[in-house]
Amino acid sequence: METRMNLFDTELGTKVGKRIYAVSQVIQESPLPKSTQELVQLRASQINGCGFCVDIHSKDAAAAGEDAARLSLVAAWRHSTVFTDAERAALALTEEGTRIIDGYAGVTDETWAGVRKHYDEEQAVALVSLVAMINATNRLGVILNNQGGSYVPGNLTTLAG
């Protein structure tokens, strides 16, 4: 399958891409642990079926030193021993925040309590924003049929300018 269009072939698409990247940078610079950020983005991308984003976030996490076993177990995090309680809270929020389309009632009070137990106000804002942004990005990737497999860590930094 081929990519339907390259967003960056148009002036508007380039502007949109740069704005999305700018918001992502704000979140990346937040006090939310970088490893948690990559796990969250990887899990949402898996759920949404965005191969391009799975490629990006698995490779970026590996390049940052994330353990291969943890990356391979993200989809089965509930049945794995390699994630902290804080990461489990973030992954639960990610799943519930991503699957609202599947008829879920949204984020449960129990999941929210887990987030607030492990993350302070700034981290919680970053986490909620991250879940929202990766879902938006995943939808762009899926709609445009962006393919995974060719991403090289650091390639997206060209959007910073």
C-alpha atoms as a PDB file:
ATOM      1  CA  MET A   1       0.000   0.000   0.000  1.00  0.00           C
ATOM      2  CA  GLU A   2       1.225   3.449  -0.813  1.00  0.00           C
ATOM      3  CA  THR A   3       1.001   6.618   1.215  1.00  0.00           C
ATOM      4  CA  ARG A   4      -1.989   8.603  -0.012  1.00  0.00           C
ATOM      5  CA  MET A   5      -0.350  11.998   0.216  1.00  0.00           C
ATOM      6  CA  ASN A   6       2.688  13.638   1.708  1.00  0.00           C
ATOM      7  CA  LEU A   7       1.399  16.265   4.100  1.00  0.00           C
ATOM      8  CA  PHE A   8       4.622  18.217   3.666  1.00  0.00           C
ATOM      9  CA  ASP A   9       4.147  18.671  -0.079  1.00  0.00           C
ATOM     10  CA  THR A  10       1.781  21.551   0.669  1.00  0.00           C
ATOM     11  CA  GLU A  11       2.284  24.818   2.497  1.00  0.00           C
ATOM     12  CA  LEU A  12      -0.680  24.165   4.781  1.00  0.00           C
ATOM     13  CA  GLY A  13       0.433  20.605   5.524  1.00  0.00           C
ATOM     14  CA  THR A  14       3.899  21.839   6.438  1.00  0.00           C
ATOM     15  CA  LYS A  15       2.396  24.426   8.798  1.00  0.00           C
ATOM     16  CA  VAL A  16       0.180  21.799  10.442  1.00  0.00           C
ATOM     17  CA  GLY A  17       3.110  19.398  10.806  1.00  0.00           C
ATOM     18  CA  LYS A  18       5.282  22.068  12.390  1.00  0.00           C
ATOM     19  CA  ARG A  19       2.537  23.035  14.864  1.00  0.00           C
ATOM     20  CA  ILE A  20       1.994  19.413  15.865  1.00  0.00           C
ATOM     21  CA  TYR A  21       5.738  19.019  16.314  1.00  0.00           C
ATOM     22  CA  ALA A  22       5.896  22.211  18.419  1.00  0.00           C
ATOM     23  CA  VAL A  23       3.184  20.923  20.774  1.00  0.00           C
ATOM     24  CA  SER A  24       5.008  17.597  20.975  1.00  0.00           C
ATOM     25  CA  GLN A  25       8.216  19.424  21.919  1.00  0.00           C
ATOM     26  CA  VAL A  26       6.454  21.215  24.791  1.00  0.00           C
ATOM     27  CA  ILE A  27       5.280  17.852  26.114  1.00  0.00           C
ATOM     28  CA  GLN A  28       8.722  16.258  25.613  1.00  0.00           C
ATOM     29  CA  GLU A  29      10.279  19.044  27.687  1.00  0.00           C
ATOM     30  CA  SER A  30       7.787  18.479  30.519  1.00  0.00           C
ATOM     31  CA  PRO A  31       8.642  16.696  33.783  1.00  0.00           C
ATOM     32  CA  LEU A  32       6.862  13.533  32.585  1.00  0.00           C
ATOM     33  CA  PRO A  33       9.616  10.883  32.275  1.00  0.00           C
ATOM     34  CA  LYS A  34      10.785  10.428  28.682  1.00  0.00           C
ATOM     35  CA  SER A  35      10.532   6.648  28.931  1.00  0.00           C
ATOM     36  CA  THR A  36       6.889   6.974  29.991  1.00  0.00           C
ATOM     37  CA  GLN A  37       6.244   9.314  27.069  1.00  0.00           C
ATOM     38  CA  GLU A  38       7.559   6.781  24.558  1.00  0.00           C
ATOM     39  CA  LEU A  39       5.649   3.880  26.151  1.00  0.00           C
ATOM     40  CA  VAL A  40       2.419   5.892  26.012  1.00  0.00           C
ATOM     41  CA  GLN A  41       2.950   6.910  22.385  1.00  0.00           C
ATOM     42  CA  LEU A  42       3.855   3.370  21.391  1.00  0.00           C
ATOM     43  CA  ARG A  43       0.787   1.885  23.090  1.00  0.00           C
ATOM     44  CA  ALA A  44      -1.668   4.375  21.577  1.00  0.00           C
ATOM     45  CA  SER A  45      -0.088   3.849  18.159  1.00  0.00           C
ATOM     46  CA  GLN A  46      -0.473   0.071  18.516  1.00  0.00           C
ATOM     47  CA  ILE A  47      -4.146   0.422  19.443  1.00  0.00           C
ATOM     48  CA  ASN A  48      -4.810   2.809  16.555  1.00  0.00           C
ATOM     49  CA  GLY A  49      -2.933   0.668  14.032  1.00  0.00           C
ATOM     50  CA  CYS A  50      -0.575   3.430  12.930  1.00  0.00           C
ATOM     51  CA  GLY A  51       2.458   1.558  11.613  1.00  0.00           C
ATOM     52  CA  PHE A  52       4.354   4.775  10.953  1.00  0.00           C
ATOM     53  CA  CYS A  53       3.945   5.933  14.573  1.00  0.00           C
ATOM     54  CA  VAL A  54       4.740   2.477  15.998  1.00  0.00           C
ATOM     55  CA  ASP A  55       7.934   2.603  13.942  1.00  0.00           C
ATOM     56  CA  ILE A  56       8.826   6.077  15.229  1.00  0.00           C
ATOM     57  CA  HIS A  57       8.154   5.474  18.905  1.00  0.00           C
ATOM     58  CA  SER A  58       9.662   2.007  19.149  1.00  0.00           C
ATOM     59  CA  LYS A  59      12.846   3.198  17.423  1.00  0.00           C
ATOM     60  CA  ASP A  60      13.055   6.472  19.368  1.00  0.00           C
ATOM     61  CA  ALA A  61      12.598   4.576  22.642  1.00  0.00           C
ATOM     62  CA  ALA A  62      15.281   2.049  21.688  1.00  0.00           C
ATOM     63  CA  ALA A  63      17.643   4.842  20.627  1.00  0.00           C
ATOM     64  CA  ALA A  64      17.099   6.468  24.036  1.00  0.00           C
ATOM     65  CA  GLY A  65      18.142   3.223  25.737  1.00  0.00           C
ATOM     66  CA  GLU A  66      14.766   1.605  26.444  1.00  0.00           C
ATOM     67  CA  ASP A  67      14.980  -2.128  27.093  1.00  0.00           C
ATOM     68  CA  ALA A  68      13.904  -4.315  24.157  1.00  0.00           C
ATOM     69  CA  ALA A  69      11.891  -6.625  26.434  1.00  0.00           C
ATOM     70  CA  ARG A  70       9.841  -3.704  27.740  1.00  0.00           C
ATOM     71  CA  LEU A  71       9.167  -2.466  24.209  1.00  0.00           C
ATOM     72  CA  SER A  72       8.036  -5.900  23.077  1.00  0.00           C
ATOM     73  CA  LEU A  73       5.718  -6.207  26.092  1.00  0.00           C
ATOM     74  CA  VAL A  74       3.946  -2.841  25.815  1.00  0.00           C
ATOM     75  CA  ALA A  75       0.923  -4.409  24.110  1.00  0.00           C
ATOM     76  CA  ALA A  76       0.678  -6.938  26.965  1.00  0.00           C
ATOM     77  CA  TRP A  77       1.599  -4.574  29.803  1.00  0.00           C
ATOM     78  CA  ARG A  78      -1.194  -5.847  32.071  1.00  0.00           C
ATOM     79  CA  HIS A  79       0.392  -9.317  31.933  1.00  0.00           C
ATOM     80  CA  SER A  80       4.016  -8.238  32.317  1.00  0.00           C
ATOM     81  CA  THR A  81       6.279  -7.651  35.294  1.00  0.00           C
ATOM     82  CA  VAL A  82       8.582  -5.098  33.664  1.00  0.00           C
ATOM     83  CA  PHE A  83       6.522  -1.927  34.179  1.00  0.00           C
ATOM     84  CA  THR A  84       6.373   0.254  37.274  1.00  0.00           C
ATOM     85  CA  ASP A  85       3.092   1.141  38.967  1.00  0.00           C
ATOM     86  CA  ALA A  86       3.435   4.672  37.585  1.00  0.00           C
ATOM     87  CA  GLU A  87       3.928   3.357  34.039  1.00  0.00           C
ATOM     88  CA  ARG A  88       0.936   1.050  34.484  1.00  0.00           C
ATOM     89  CA  ALA A  89      -1.196   4.042  35.487  1.00  0.00           C
ATOM     90  CA  ALA A  90      -0.025   5.928  32.380  1.00  0.00           C
ATOM     91  CA  LEU A  91      -0.689   2.945  30.117  1.00  0.00           C
ATOM     92  CA  ALA A  92      -4.176   2.459  31.605  1.00  0.00           C
ATOM     93  CA  LEU A  93      -4.963   6.124  30.930  1.00  0.00           C
ATOM     94  CA  THR A  94      -3.594   5.738  27.415  1.00  0.00           C
ATOM     95  CA  GLU A  95      -5.804   2.759  26.666  1.00  0.00           C
ATOM     96  CA  GLU A  96      -8.954   4.302  28.119  1.00  0.00           C
ATOM     97  CA  GLY A  97      -8.280   7.679  26.500  1.00  0.00           C
ATOM     98  CA  THR A  98      -7.576   6.039  23.145  1.00  0.00           C
ATOM     99  CA  ARG A  99     -10.452   3.578  23.119  1.00  0.00           C
ATOM    100  CA  ILE A 100     -13.267   6.046  23.739  1.00  0.00           C
ATOM    101  CA  ILE A 101     -14.309   5.403  20.154  1.00  0.00           C
ATOM    102  CA  ASP A 102     -14.844   1.721  21.001  1.00  0.00           C
ATOM    103  CA  GLY A 103     -17.785   2.542  23.247  1.00  0.00           C
ATOM    104  CA  TYR A 104     -15.765   2.910  26.404  1.00  0.00           C
ATOM    105  CA  ALA A 105     -17.205   5.372  28.889  1.00  0.00           C
ATOM    106  CA  GLY A 106     -13.941   7.273  28.862  1.00  0.00           C
ATOM    107  CA  VAL A 107     -11.401   7.329  31.654  1.00  0.00           C
ATOM    108  CA  THR A 108     -12.619   5.646  34.830  1.00  0.00           C
ATOM    109  CA  ASP A 109     -12.271   7.257  38.238  1.00  0.00           C
ATOM    110  CA  GLU A 110     -10.040   4.341  39.252  1.00  0.00           C
ATOM    111  CA  THR A 111      -7.656   4.983  36.371  1.00  0.00           C
ATOM    112  CA  TRP A 112      -7.620   8.715  37.065  1.00  0.00           C
ATOM    113  CA  ALA A 113      -6.871   8.053  40.751  1.00  0.00           C
ATOM    114  CA  GLY A 114      -3.904   5.911  39.671  1.00  0.00           C
ATOM    115  CA  VAL A 115      -2.603   8.725  37.499  1.00  0.00           C
ATOM    116  CA  ARG A 116      -2.932  11.260  40.322  1.00  0.00           C
ATOM    117  CA  LYS A 117      -1.261   8.888  42.784  1.00  0.00           C
ATOM    118  CA  HIS A 118       1.868   8.659  40.643  1.00  0.00           C
ATOM    119  CA  TYR A 119       2.041  11.971  38.784  1.00  0.00           C
ATOM    120  CA  ASP A 120       2.006  15.567  40.000  1.00  0.00           C
ATOM    121  CA  GLU A 121      -0.113  18.275  38.363  1.00  0.00           C
ATOM    122  CA  GLU A 122       2.413  19.191  35.638  1.00  0.00           C
ATOM    123  CA  GLN A 123       3.087  15.553  34.813  1.00  0.00           C
ATOM    124  CA  ALA A 124      -0.647  14.800  34.669  1.00  0.00           C
ATOM    125  CA  VAL A 125      -1.194  17.717  32.269  1.00  0.00           C
ATOM    126  CA  ALA A 126       1.656  16.433  30.110  1.00  0.00           C
ATOM    127  CA  LEU A 127       0.271  12.895  30.175  1.00  0.00           C
ATOM    128  CA  VAL A 128      -3.273  13.912  29.216  1.00  0.00           C
ATOM    129  CA  SER A 129      -1.930  16.204  26.477  1.00  0.00           C
ATOM    130  CA  LEU A 130       0.342  13.451  25.200  1.00  0.00           C
ATOM    131  CA  VAL A 131      -2.522  10.961  24.929  1.00  0.00           C
ATOM    132  CA  ALA A 132      -4.594  13.533  23.020  1.00  0.00           C
ATOM    133  CA  MET A 133      -1.744  14.495  20.677  1.00  0.00           C
ATOM    134  CA  ILE A 134      -0.613  10.973  19.833  1.00  0.00           C
ATOM    135  CA  ASN A 135      -4.195  10.033  19.016  1.00  0.00           C
ATOM    136  CA  ALA A 136      -4.455  13.009  16.648  1.00  0.00           C
ATOM    137  CA  THR A 137      -1.133  12.104  15.050  1.00  0.00           C
ATOM    138  CA  ASN A 138      -2.133   8.442  14.729  1.00  0.00           C
ATOM    139  CA  ARG A 139      -5.306   9.438  12.946  1.00  0.00           C
ATOM    140  CA  LEU A 140      -3.373  11.538  10.449  1.00  0.00           C
ATOM    141  CA  GLY A 141      -1.023   8.622   9.845  1.00  0.00           C
ATOM    142  CA  VAL A 142      -3.820   6.100   9.362  1.00  0.00           C
ATOM    143  CA  ILE A 143      -5.915   8.375   7.120  1.00  0.00           C
ATOM    144  CA  LEU A 144      -2.897   9.128   4.926  1.00  0.00           C
ATOM    145  CA  ASN A 145      -1.772   5.474   5.019  1.00  0.00           C
ATOM    146  CA  ASN A 146       1.720   6.407   6.202  1.00  0.00           C
ATOM    147  CA  GLN A 147       3.854   3.270   6.245  1.00  0.00           C
ATOM    148  CA  GLY A 148       6.149   2.118   9.021  1.00  0.00           C
ATOM    149  CA  GLY A 149       9.573   0.629   8.540  1.00  0.00           C
ATOM    150  CA  SER A 150      11.827   3.369   7.219  1.00  0.00           C
ATOM    151  CA  TYR A 151      12.026   5.801  10.154  1.00  0.00           C
ATOM    152  CA  VAL A 152      15.476   6.760  11.404  1.00  0.00           C
ATOM    153  CA  PRO A 153      15.617   8.281  14.913  1.00  0.00           C
ATOM    154  CA  GLY A 154      16.036  12.037  14.696  1.00  0.00           C
ATOM    155  CA  ASN A 155      14.369  12.417  11.278  1.00  0.00           C
ATOM    156  CA  LEU A 156      11.500  14.469  12.690  1.00  0.00           C
ATOM    157  CA  THR A 157      13.769  17.203  14.041  1.00  0.00           C
ATOM    158  CA  THR A 158      13.612  18.846  10.615  1.00  0.00           C
ATOM    159  CA  LEU A 159      10.142  20.051  11.669  1.00  0.00           C
ATOM    160  CA  ALA A 160      11.609  22.196  14.440  1.00  0.00           C
ATOM    161  CA  GLY A 161      12.372  25.107  12.128  1.00  0.00           C
END
